[in-house]
């Protein structure tokens, strides 16, 4: 390898790469993670609902 190749390997990332990284972050932060959060909370609620259908609601013994 020559000295010129070493300098080219350490060149900063192009501007378009930074823009695509920001786009991916926005998609994750605004679209995907909220959908996943709502899905997890909904699944937990469904699990509790099914548990109470099978074993009865919580409360003192009857």
C-alpha atoms as a PDB file:
ATOM      1  CA  UNK A   1       0.000   0.000   0.000  1.00  0.00           C
ATOM      2  CA  UNK A   2       1.195   3.482  -0.718  1.00  0.00           C
ATOM      3  CA  UNK A   3       0.885   6.560   1.445  1.00  0.00           C
ATOM      4  CA  UNK A   4      -1.801   7.933  -0.891  1.00  0.00           C
ATOM      5  CA  UNK A   5      -4.007   4.902  -0.347  1.00  0.00           C
ATOM      6  CA  UNK A   6      -3.696   5.255   3.436  1.00  0.00           C
ATOM      7  CA  UNK A   7      -4.884   8.874   3.251  1.00  0.00           C
ATOM      8  CA  UNK A   8      -7.839   7.915   1.030  1.00  0.00           C
ATOM      9  CA  UNK A   9      -8.877   5.131   3.414  1.00  0.00           C
ATOM     10  CA  UNK A  10      -9.158   7.632   6.281  1.00  0.00           C
ATOM     11  CA  UNK A  11     -11.286  10.135   4.329  1.00  0.00           C
ATOM     12  CA  UNK A  12     -14.411  11.354   6.141  1.00  0.00           C
ATOM     13  CA  UNK A  13     -17.795   9.898   5.268  1.00  0.00           C
ATOM     14  CA  UNK A  14     -19.514  11.676   2.370  1.00  0.00           C
ATOM     15  CA  UNK A  15     -22.427  14.024   3.091  1.00  0.00           C
ATOM     16  CA  UNK A  16     -24.952  11.693   1.449  1.00  0.00           C
ATOM     17  CA  UNK A  17     -24.030   8.966   3.950  1.00  0.00           C
ATOM     18  CA  UNK A  18     -24.787  11.290   6.833  1.00  0.00           C
ATOM     19  CA  UNK A  19     -28.157  12.182   5.318  1.00  0.00           C
ATOM     20  CA  UNK A  20     -29.100   8.524   4.845  1.00  0.00           C
ATOM     21  CA  UNK A  21     -28.076   7.804   8.429  1.00  0.00           C
ATOM     22  CA  UNK A  22     -30.313  10.639   9.650  1.00  0.00           C
ATOM     23  CA  UNK A  23     -33.173   9.303   7.520  1.00  0.00           C
ATOM     24  CA  UNK A  24     -32.798   5.828   9.027  1.00  0.00           C
ATOM     25  CA  UNK A  25     -32.734   7.316  12.539  1.00  0.00           C
ATOM     26  CA  UNK A  26     -35.912   9.311  11.905  1.00  0.00           C
ATOM     27  CA  UNK A  27     -37.685   6.249  10.513  1.00  0.00           C
ATOM     28  CA  UNK A  28     -36.666   4.216  13.563  1.00  0.00           C
ATOM     29  CA  UNK A  29     -37.427   6.927  16.119  1.00  0.00           C
ATOM     30  CA  UNK A  30     -40.749   8.144  14.714  1.00  0.00           C
ATOM     31  CA  UNK A  31     -42.235   5.111  12.980  1.00  0.00           C
ATOM     32  CA  UNK A  32     -40.838   1.760  14.027  1.00  0.00           C
ATOM     33  CA  UNK A  33     -40.167   2.078  17.781  1.00  0.00           C
ATOM     34  CA  UNK A  34     -43.579   3.587  18.636  1.00  0.00           C
ATOM     35  CA  UNK A  35     -45.292   0.775  16.726  1.00  0.00           C
ATOM     36  CA  UNK A  36     -43.207  -1.797  18.594  1.00  0.00           C
ATOM     37  CA  UNK A  37     -43.980  -0.112  21.943  1.00  0.00           C
ATOM     38  CA  UNK A  38     -47.735  -0.115  21.264  1.00  0.00           C
ATOM     39  CA  UNK A  39     -47.523  -3.753  20.174  1.00  0.00           C
ATOM     40  CA  UNK A  40     -45.700  -4.809  23.350  1.00  0.00           C
ATOM     41  CA  UNK A  41     -48.164  -2.985  25.623  1.00  0.00           C
ATOM     42  CA  UNK A  42     -51.102  -4.406  23.663  1.00  0.00           C
ATOM     43  CA  UNK A  43     -49.705  -7.927  23.862  1.00  0.00           C
ATOM     44  CA  UNK A  44     -49.232  -7.573  27.617  1.00  0.00           C
ATOM     45  CA  UNK A  45     -52.805  -6.336  28.012  1.00  0.00           C
ATOM     46  CA  UNK A  46     -54.089  -9.258  25.956  1.00  0.00           C
ATOM     47  CA  UNK A  47     -52.063 -11.690  28.069  1.00  0.00           C
ATOM     48  CA  UNK A  48     -53.515 -10.273  31.301  1.00  0.00           C
ATOM     49  CA  UNK A  49     -57.018 -10.379  29.836  1.00  0.00           C
ATOM     50  CA  UNK A  50     -56.646 -14.046  28.840  1.00  0.00           C
ATOM     51  CA  UNK A  51     -55.131 -14.876  32.255  1.00  0.00           C
ATOM     52  CA  UNK A  52     -58.159 -13.352  33.996  1.00  0.00           C
ATOM     53  CA  UNK A  53     -60.578 -15.227  31.738  1.00  0.00           C
ATOM     54  CA  UNK A  54     -58.955 -18.542  32.710  1.00  0.00           C
ATOM     55  CA  UNK A  55     -58.135 -17.927  36.406  1.00  0.00           C
ATOM     56  CA  UNK A  56     -60.631 -15.202  37.350  1.00  0.00           C
ATOM     57  CA  UNK A  57     -60.084 -11.586  38.303  1.00  0.00           C
ATOM     58  CA  UNK A  58     -57.753 -10.647  41.146  1.00  0.00           C
ATOM     59  CA  UNK A  59     -59.259 -10.112  44.579  1.00  0.00           C
ATOM     60  CA  UNK A  60     -59.719 -11.744  47.938  1.00  0.00           C
ATOM     61  CA  UNK A  61     -60.577 -15.437  47.965  1.00  0.00           C
ATOM     62  CA  UNK A  62     -64.279 -16.148  47.784  1.00  0.00           C
END
